């Protein structure tokens, strides 16, 4: 693996394959696994970096992410925790995985922004929230650009009678596309506000300034914010002037990235695995709402843990009938079988859009498969277990332990 060529794809299964191969190479070639990764991590001086298949990484500080993740996970204290686990008859393992995720999605997007006499800012956009909190984070951006209170902003999505164009929500595109459009639309809307203000004050638009959220002219002692301006324009019969439609195409991908560290404790008698620690660092570029992004990271990590450890769809071999027809039969992650995740957001801005946004949410699940299985196998390594298929259910872990004992001649 040549220097500065190390990467992991945004697809969790590809990240899994690359990270597991890296662990295998470190083990068989006598490298420390963190040191092997460090030798091959792309450094900030070579960004933007074109990899072997033509992907052009926009920005990132990959080695710093790994340092931060291992520090937050107390990597250096692992040996003492492993000895403590052994004293209780348990086997403790440590996993490490880096990731790079490609985020692009449908290139076209549109926003329609209108300041109404009712004191509202209506924002129509073609993305579709399904739990990501667009109603909050999009409103924050518009509020900052127009100096209008967040509570006066209405986000309109998903109604095809109103939304005329848009690419939907996928591939981490929504905030990046939306914020770019808002940044493009705001100056145009401010320009229209200056024109309306000039008509009200009997002056020219060139003499109207927008500062500290208010339109004013040196020729008058009157000033207006956006909401006041819309109300005054309607009172004077000057309606329809505070609305813009903005389109944009974005073809440059961005590359969120990060690192996860996991500790997993195995009960050798039953095969039960408990994740005792999980730390993850995500570089999302500009983070508009940290609480939302942290929540998405927690959810993504939990989803990945479920796939890695419990979510197995068993079928009746004779009929093909699914045997996991409800959550009574299908293993799902729950709050009582997950630790408190230590999540950290890093903001290395992307040069591809006005706010430097990359993406959040999908990154939470990208390294999970690799880091969880890596931790389990590290715990079982003293027994000679080198591989296990997902989901690593207690029965599969128990089987692997028993087979290892038989292979070594143990009891």
Protein backbone atom coordinates (compact mmCIF):
# COMPACT_ATOMS: atom_id res chain seq x y z
CA UNK A 1 0.00 0.00 0.00
CA UNK A 2 1.78 3.18 -1.13
CA UNK A 3 2.25 6.11 1.22
CA UNK A 4 -0.70 8.55 1.38
CA UNK A 5 -3.00 6.16 -0.50
CA UNK A 6 -4.92 4.75 2.47
CA UNK A 7 -8.66 5.26 2.27
CA UNK A 8 -11.99 3.69 3.15
CA UNK A 9 -15.11 4.07 1.02
CA UNK A 10 -18.31 5.58 2.31
CA UNK A 11 -20.11 2.26 1.86
CA UNK A 12 -19.99 0.45 5.23
CA UNK A 13 -19.37 -2.94 3.61
CA UNK A 14 -16.43 -1.59 1.56
CA UNK A 15 -15.02 0.14 4.62
CA UNK A 16 -15.41 -3.18 6.42
CA UNK A 17 -13.39 -5.04 3.79
CA UNK A 18 -10.60 -2.46 3.66
CA UNK A 19 -10.29 -2.08 7.41
CA UNK A 20 -10.35 -5.82 8.04
CA UNK A 21 -7.64 -6.31 5.40
CA UNK A 22 -5.58 -3.59 7.07
CA UNK A 23 -5.89 -5.38 10.42
CA UNK A 24 -4.95 -8.66 8.75
CA UNK A 25 -1.91 -7.08 7.09
CA UNK A 26 -0.80 -5.55 10.37
CA UNK A 27 -1.12 -8.89 12.16
CA UNK A 28 0.63 -10.99 9.55
CA UNK A 29 3.40 -8.49 8.75
CA UNK A 30 4.15 -7.57 12.35
CA UNK A 31 2.93 -3.95 12.29
CA UNK A 32 1.09 -2.11 15.00
CA UNK A 33 -2.33 -1.61 13.38
CA UNK A 34 -2.52 2.08 14.25
CA UNK A 35 1.04 2.62 13.00
CA UNK A 36 0.26 0.90 9.69
CA UNK A 37 -2.72 3.16 9.17
CA UNK A 38 -0.69 6.21 10.13
CA UNK A 39 1.90 5.41 7.45
CA UNK A 40 -0.80 5.50 4.79
CA UNK A 41 -3.14 8.27 5.86
CA UNK A 42 -3.38 11.19 3.44
CA UNK A 43 -1.96 14.39 4.92
CA UNK A 44 -3.49 17.91 4.73
CA UNK A 45 -0.59 19.32 2.62
CA UNK A 46 -1.61 17.19 -0.39
CA UNK A 47 -5.31 18.15 -0.26
CA UNK A 48 -7.20 18.19 -2.53
CA UNK A 49 -6.01 14.68 -3.31
CA UNK A 50 -6.89 12.57 -6.35
CA UNK A 51 -6.88 8.89 -5.48
CA UNK A 52 -6.15 5.95 -7.77
CA UNK A 53 -9.72 5.70 -9.08
CA UNK A 54 -10.11 9.41 -9.74
CA UNK A 55 -12.00 10.53 -6.64
CA UNK A 56 -10.76 13.94 -5.54
CA UNK A 57 -10.82 14.36 -1.78
CA UNK A 58 -11.71 17.97 -1.04
CA UNK A 59 -10.23 18.36 2.48
CA UNK A 60 -9.55 16.50 5.69
CA UNK A 61 -7.16 15.88 8.56
CA UNK A 62 -7.32 12.11 8.78
CA UNK A 63 -4.40 11.50 11.12
CA UNK A 64 -5.68 14.11 13.56
CA UNK A 65 -9.07 12.36 13.54
CA UNK A 66 -7.45 9.06 14.47
CA UNK A 67 -5.39 10.70 17.21
CA UNK A 68 -8.51 12.36 18.63
CA UNK A 69 -10.61 9.18 18.48
CA UNK A 70 -7.96 7.05 20.21
CA UNK A 71 -7.46 9.75 22.84
CA UNK A 72 -11.21 10.00 23.53
CA UNK A 73 -11.39 6.21 23.77
CA UNK A 74 -8.45 6.09 26.24
CA UNK A 75 -6.53 3.79 23.91
CA UNK A 76 -3.52 3.79 26.23
CA UNK A 77 -5.62 2.54 29.14
CA UNK A 78 -6.92 -0.49 27.25
CA UNK A 79 -4.29 -2.95 28.54
CA UNK A 80 -5.33 -2.32 32.14
CA UNK A 81 -9.01 -2.75 31.27
CA UNK A 82 -8.23 -6.01 29.46
CA UNK A 83 -6.47 -7.37 32.55
CA UNK A 84 -9.44 -6.38 34.71
CA UNK A 85 -11.82 -8.16 32.30
CA UNK A 86 -9.67 -11.30 32.35
CA UNK A 87 -9.85 -11.31 36.13
CA UNK A 88 -13.64 -11.54 35.75
CA UNK A 89 -13.41 -14.36 33.22
CA UNK A 90 -14.13 -12.10 30.25
CA UNK A 91 -12.21 -11.38 27.04
CA UNK A 92 -11.86 -7.71 26.05
CA UNK A 93 -11.03 -6.58 22.53
CA UNK A 94 -10.19 -3.25 20.90
CA UNK A 95 -11.17 -2.21 17.37
CA UNK A 96 -10.08 0.72 15.17
CA UNK A 97 -11.47 1.90 11.83
CA UNK A 98 -11.02 5.01 9.69
CA UNK A 99 -13.45 5.98 6.96
CA UNK A 100 -13.89 8.35 4.04
CA UNK A 101 -17.39 8.81 2.66
CA UNK A 102 -18.28 10.18 -0.77
CA UNK A 103 -21.30 12.49 -0.72
CA UNK A 104 -22.79 13.93 -3.89
CA UNK A 105 -26.34 12.98 -4.91
CA UNK A 106 -28.67 14.53 -7.50
CA UNK A 107 -27.05 17.72 -8.81
CA UNK A 108 -30.07 20.01 -9.28
CA UNK A 109 -31.90 21.86 -6.54
CA UNK A 110 -34.22 24.88 -6.25
CA UNK A 111 -35.46 27.13 -3.49
CA UNK A 112 -38.29 29.64 -3.52
CA UNK A 113 -38.14 32.21 -0.72
CA UNK A 114 -40.98 34.64 0.04
CA UNK A 115 -41.37 37.19 2.82
CA UNK A 116 -45.12 37.49 3.45
CA UNK A 117 -47.16 40.35 4.93
CA UNK A 118 -48.21 37.92 7.67
CA UNK A 119 -44.71 38.17 9.10
CA UNK A 120 -43.47 34.82 7.82
CA UNK A 121 -40.61 33.75 5.57
CA UNK A 122 -41.74 30.82 3.43
CA UNK A 123 -38.90 28.63 2.17
CA UNK A 124 -39.80 26.04 -0.46
CA UNK A 125 -37.12 23.48 -1.27
CA UNK A 126 -36.94 20.11 -3.00
CA UNK A 127 -35.18 18.13 -0.29
CA UNK A 128 -37.35 15.92 1.89
CA UNK A 129 -36.68 15.55 5.62
CA UNK A 130 -37.37 12.18 7.21
CA UNK A 131 -36.02 12.83 10.66
CA UNK A 132 -32.84 14.83 9.98
CA UNK A 133 -34.19 18.08 11.45
CA UNK A 134 -34.19 20.15 8.25
CA UNK A 135 -36.97 22.28 9.70
CA UNK A 136 -34.54 23.48 12.35
CA UNK A 137 -31.16 23.58 10.63
CA UNK A 138 -32.40 25.08 7.34
CA UNK A 139 -34.25 27.77 9.29
CA UNK A 140 -31.05 28.56 11.19
CA UNK A 141 -29.20 29.29 7.94
CA UNK A 142 -32.00 31.45 6.52
CA UNK A 143 -32.31 33.27 9.84
CA UNK A 144 -28.62 34.09 9.85
CA UNK A 145 -28.62 35.31 6.24
CA UNK A 146 -31.77 37.46 6.48
CA UNK A 147 -31.63 38.44 10.17
CA UNK A 148 -35.13 37.06 10.67
CA UNK A 149 -36.06 35.10 13.82
CA UNK A 150 -35.97 31.32 13.37
CA UNK A 151 -39.54 31.02 14.67
CA UNK A 152 -40.80 33.16 11.75
CA UNK A 153 -39.46 30.80 9.08
CA UNK A 154 -41.64 28.11 7.52
CA UNK A 155 -39.99 25.28 5.60
CA UNK A 156 -42.20 23.78 2.88
CA UNK A 157 -41.18 20.38 1.47
CA UNK A 158 -42.76 17.26 0.03
CA UNK A 159 -45.82 18.91 -1.55
CA UNK A 160 -45.62 18.43 -5.32
CA UNK A 161 -48.28 21.11 -5.82
CA UNK A 162 -45.82 23.60 -4.35
CA UNK A 163 -42.33 22.14 -4.80
CA UNK A 164 -41.49 22.52 -8.49
CA UNK A 165 -37.99 21.01 -8.58
CA UNK A 166 -35.58 19.20 -6.30
CA UNK A 167 -33.40 16.16 -5.79
CA UNK A 168 -34.75 14.84 -2.51
CA UNK A 169 -32.68 13.61 0.43
CA UNK A 170 -29.96 11.03 -0.17
CA UNK A 171 -26.17 10.78 -0.21
CA UNK A 172 -25.80 13.47 2.45
CA UNK A 173 -26.78 16.17 -0.07
CA UNK A 174 -29.55 18.09 1.68
CA UNK A 175 -27.81 20.64 3.91
CA UNK A 176 -25.01 21.24 1.42
CA UNK A 177 -27.41 21.94 -1.45
CA UNK A 178 -29.90 23.89 0.66
CA UNK A 179 -27.34 26.13 2.33
CA UNK A 180 -25.70 26.87 -1.02
CA UNK A 181 -29.05 27.89 -2.47
CA UNK A 182 -29.87 30.04 0.56
CA UNK A 183 -26.49 31.76 0.24
CA UNK A 184 -27.29 32.48 -3.42
CA UNK A 185 -30.90 33.56 -2.82
CA UNK A 186 -30.29 35.86 0.15
CA UNK A 187 -28.37 38.61 -1.74
CA UNK A 188 -31.07 38.63 -4.43
CA UNK A 189 -33.81 38.89 -1.82
CA UNK A 190 -31.91 41.67 -0.03
CA UNK A 191 -31.58 43.46 -3.37
CA UNK A 192 -35.34 43.28 -3.85
CA UNK A 193 -35.80 44.52 -0.30
CA UNK A 194 -33.70 47.56 -1.15
CA UNK A 195 -35.89 48.27 -4.16
CA UNK A 196 -39.08 48.05 -2.09
CA UNK A 197 -37.56 50.21 0.65
CA UNK A 198 -36.54 52.82 -1.93
CA UNK A 199 -40.11 53.02 -3.24
CA UNK A 200 -41.47 53.45 0.27
CA UNK A 201 -38.93 56.12 1.23
CA UNK A 202 -38.94 57.91 -2.12
CA UNK A 203 -35.28 57.36 -2.85
CA UNK A 204 -33.12 55.13 -5.07
CA UNK A 205 -32.19 51.54 -4.29
CA UNK A 206 -28.49 52.51 -4.45
CA UNK A 207 -28.99 54.71 -1.38
CA UNK A 208 -30.60 51.95 0.68
CA UNK A 209 -28.33 49.82 2.88
CA UNK A 210 -29.06 46.55 4.63
CA UNK A 211 -27.12 46.41 7.89
CA UNK A 212 -27.77 44.72 11.21
CA UNK A 213 -30.91 43.20 9.73
CA UNK A 214 -32.52 46.50 8.74
CA UNK A 215 -33.09 48.44 5.52
CA UNK A 216 -32.36 52.16 5.87
CA UNK A 217 -31.46 55.24 3.85
CA UNK A 218 -29.60 58.36 5.00
CA UNK A 219 -32.48 60.37 3.51
CA UNK A 220 -34.97 59.05 6.08
CA UNK A 221 -35.17 58.25 9.77
CA UNK A 222 -37.34 55.20 9.01
CA UNK A 223 -35.96 51.68 8.76
CA UNK A 224 -37.42 48.22 8.33
CA UNK A 225 -36.47 44.64 8.95
CA UNK A 226 -37.67 42.08 6.41
CA UNK A 227 -40.93 41.34 8.20
CA UNK A 228 -41.77 45.00 8.76
CA UNK A 229 -40.92 45.76 5.15
CA UNK A 230 -43.31 43.10 3.83
CA UNK A 231 -46.12 44.44 6.03
CA UNK A 232 -45.52 48.06 5.00
CA UNK A 233 -45.29 47.12 1.31
CA UNK A 234 -48.62 45.30 1.53
CA UNK A 235 -50.25 48.26 3.28
CA UNK A 236 -49.12 50.52 0.43
CA UNK A 237 -50.14 48.09 -2.27
CA UNK A 238 -46.55 47.19 -3.19
CA UNK A 239 -46.95 43.43 -2.74
CA UNK A 240 -45.08 40.71 -4.63
CA UNK A 241 -41.65 42.30 -4.42
CA UNK A 242 -40.10 40.14 -1.70
CA UNK A 243 -39.82 36.76 -3.41
CA UNK A 244 -37.06 34.97 -5.29
CA UNK A 245 -36.63 31.67 -7.10
CA UNK A 246 -33.06 30.33 -7.18
CA UNK A 247 -31.72 27.27 -9.02
CA UNK A 248 -28.33 25.64 -8.77
CA UNK A 249 -26.43 22.61 -9.98
CA UNK A 250 -23.67 21.10 -7.88
CA UNK A 251 -21.43 18.44 -9.39
CA UNK A 252 -18.47 18.43 -6.99
CA UNK A 253 -18.57 15.65 -4.38
CA UNK A 254 -17.47 16.20 -0.81
CA UNK A 255 -15.79 13.64 1.43
CA UNK A 256 -16.84 13.47 5.09
CA UNK A 257 -14.41 11.36 7.06
CA UNK A 258 -13.55 10.17 10.51
CA UNK A 259 -12.42 7.44 12.85
CA UNK A 260 -14.09 5.08 15.31
CA UNK A 261 -12.72 3.07 18.24
CA UNK A 262 -14.69 0.28 19.91
CA UNK A 263 -14.16 -1.97 22.92
CA UNK A 264 -16.11 -5.21 23.13
CA UNK A 265 -16.23 -7.67 26.01
CA UNK A 266 -16.94 -11.35 25.26
CA UNK A 267 -18.30 -13.91 27.70
CA UNK A 268 -16.51 -17.12 26.55
CA UNK A 269 -19.11 -19.32 28.24
CA UNK A 270 -22.12 -17.93 26.35
CA UNK A 271 -20.69 -15.98 23.39
CA UNK A 272 -22.49 -12.84 24.52
CA UNK A 273 -20.75 -9.65 23.38
CA UNK A 274 -21.13 -6.35 25.20
CA UNK A 275 -19.84 -3.12 23.67
CA UNK A 276 -18.33 -1.34 26.64
CA UNK A 277 -16.86 1.73 24.92
CA UNK A 278 -17.43 3.45 21.59
CA UNK A 279 -15.76 6.68 20.48
CA UNK A 280 -16.16 8.25 17.06
CA UNK A 281 -14.85 11.40 15.39
CA UNK A 282 -16.68 12.82 12.35
CA UNK A 283 -15.44 15.60 10.07
CA UNK A 284 -18.68 16.99 8.62
CA UNK A 285 -17.27 20.27 7.39
CA UNK A 286 -19.28 23.22 8.71
CA UNK A 287 -21.67 21.92 11.36
CA UNK A 288 -24.85 23.99 11.37
CA UNK A 289 -26.52 22.34 14.37
CA UNK A 290 -24.18 20.21 16.51
CA UNK A 291 -26.97 18.68 18.59
CA UNK A 292 -28.70 17.35 15.48
CA UNK A 293 -25.45 16.03 14.00
CA UNK A 294 -24.49 14.32 17.26
CA UNK A 295 -27.93 12.71 17.32
CA UNK A 296 -27.51 11.48 13.76
CA UNK A 297 -24.10 10.03 14.66
CA UNK A 298 -25.59 8.20 17.65
CA UNK A 299 -28.39 6.82 15.48
CA UNK A 300 -26.04 5.79 12.69
CA UNK A 301 -23.72 4.04 15.13
CA UNK A 302 -26.62 2.16 16.73
CA UNK A 303 -27.88 1.09 13.32
CA UNK A 304 -24.45 -0.20 12.36
CA UNK A 305 -24.05 -2.09 15.65
CA UNK A 306 -27.36 -3.80 14.96
CA UNK A 307 -26.16 -4.98 11.56
CA UNK A 308 -22.81 -6.11 12.94
CA UNK A 309 -24.12 -8.04 15.94
CA UNK A 310 -27.81 -8.94 15.94
CA UNK A 311 -29.90 -8.22 12.85
CA UNK A 312 -30.15 -11.61 11.18
CA UNK A 313 -33.06 -12.47 8.90
CA UNK A 314 -33.51 -16.22 9.31
CA UNK A 315 -35.49 -18.12 6.67
CA UNK A 316 -37.17 -21.51 6.80
CA UNK A 317 -35.05 -23.57 4.37
CA UNK A 318 -38.03 -25.60 3.16
CA UNK A 319 -40.50 -22.80 2.44
CA UNK A 320 -38.43 -19.63 2.35
CA UNK A 321 -40.75 -18.17 4.97
CA UNK A 322 -39.06 -15.45 7.08
CA UNK A 323 -38.75 -16.58 10.67
CA UNK A 324 -38.20 -13.06 12.00
CA UNK A 325 -41.65 -11.63 11.51
CA UNK A 326 -41.53 -9.22 14.42
CA UNK A 327 -39.08 -7.55 16.78
CA UNK A 328 -39.70 -10.44 19.14
CA UNK A 329 -37.58 -12.52 16.75
CA UNK A 330 -35.37 -9.97 15.02
CA UNK A 331 -32.46 -8.63 17.07
CA UNK A 332 -32.48 -4.82 17.25
CA UNK A 333 -30.10 -2.50 19.13
CA UNK A 334 -31.64 -0.90 22.21
CA UNK A 335 -30.48 1.68 24.70
CA UNK A 336 -29.90 -1.00 27.34
CA UNK A 337 -27.39 -2.94 25.19
CA UNK A 338 -25.38 0.00 23.91
CA UNK A 339 -22.90 2.21 25.74
CA UNK A 340 -23.00 5.99 25.81
CA UNK A 341 -21.24 6.90 22.57
CA UNK A 342 -18.42 9.44 22.82
CA UNK A 343 -19.01 11.49 19.67
CA UNK A 344 -16.87 14.38 18.50
CA UNK A 345 -17.42 16.71 15.55
CA UNK A 346 -14.49 18.07 13.56
CA UNK A 347 -15.00 20.98 11.15
CA UNK A 348 -12.47 20.99 8.30
CA UNK A 349 -14.29 23.15 5.77
CA UNK A 350 -14.85 21.98 2.21
CA UNK A 351 -13.80 24.42 -0.52
CA UNK A 352 -16.65 23.22 -2.76
CA UNK A 353 -19.53 25.30 -1.33
CA UNK A 354 -20.07 28.66 0.41
CA UNK A 355 -20.38 27.34 3.95
CA UNK A 356 -17.79 24.54 3.69
CA UNK A 357 -20.40 21.87 4.44
CA UNK A 358 -19.61 18.19 3.83
CA UNK A 359 -22.30 15.93 5.29
CA UNK A 360 -23.44 14.40 8.54
CA UNK A 361 -25.54 11.40 9.43
CA UNK A 362 -24.35 8.66 7.10
CA UNK A 363 -20.84 8.87 8.53
CA UNK A 364 -22.16 7.59 11.85
CA UNK A 365 -22.77 4.10 10.43
CA UNK A 366 -19.90 3.90 7.91
CA UNK A 367 -17.08 2.59 10.17
CA UNK A 368 -19.27 0.59 12.56
CA UNK A 369 -19.22 -2.83 10.91
CA UNK A 370 -15.44 -2.80 10.70
CA UNK A 371 -14.73 -1.45 14.16
CA UNK A 372 -17.18 -3.74 15.99
CA UNK A 373 -16.01 -6.94 14.28
CA UNK A 374 -12.41 -5.83 14.74
CA UNK A 375 -13.00 -5.48 18.49
CA UNK A 376 -14.68 -8.88 18.73
CA UNK A 377 -11.89 -10.61 16.84
CA UNK A 378 -9.27 -8.83 18.92
CA UNK A 379 -10.95 -10.22 22.02
CA UNK A 380 -10.96 -13.74 20.55
CA UNK A 381 -7.46 -13.54 19.08
CA UNK A 382 -5.79 -15.37 22.03
CA UNK A 383 -7.94 -18.39 21.13
CA UNK A 384 -6.82 -18.28 17.50
CA UNK A 385 -10.11 -17.00 16.07
CA UNK A 386 -9.28 -14.99 12.95
CA UNK A 387 -12.66 -14.39 11.31
CA UNK A 388 -16.38 -14.34 12.02
CA UNK A 389 -19.35 -13.62 9.78
CA UNK A 390 -21.89 -10.91 10.49
CA UNK A 391 -24.06 -10.62 12.36
CA UNK A 392 -21.77 -11.80 15.13
CA UNK A 393 -24.59 -13.22 17.24
CA UNK A 394 -23.85 -14.88 20.57
CA UNK A 395 -24.36 -18.29 18.95
CA UNK A 396 -21.84 -17.56 16.18
CA UNK A 397 -19.33 -16.22 18.70
CA UNK A 398 -19.86 -19.28 20.93
CA UNK A 399 -19.41 -21.58 17.90
CA UNK A 400 -16.17 -19.83 16.95
CA UNK A 401 -14.86 -20.26 20.51
CA UNK A 402 -15.77 -23.96 20.58
CA UNK A 403 -14.20 -24.62 17.17
CA UNK A 404 -11.05 -22.81 18.27
CA UNK A 405 -10.87 -24.96 21.38
CA UNK A 406 -11.32 -28.13 19.32
CA UNK A 407 -8.65 -26.99 16.88
CA UNK A 408 -6.20 -26.37 19.67
CA UNK A 409 -7.04 -29.58 21.46
CA UNK A 410 -8.54 -27.75 24.40
CA UNK A 411 -11.63 -28.63 26.43
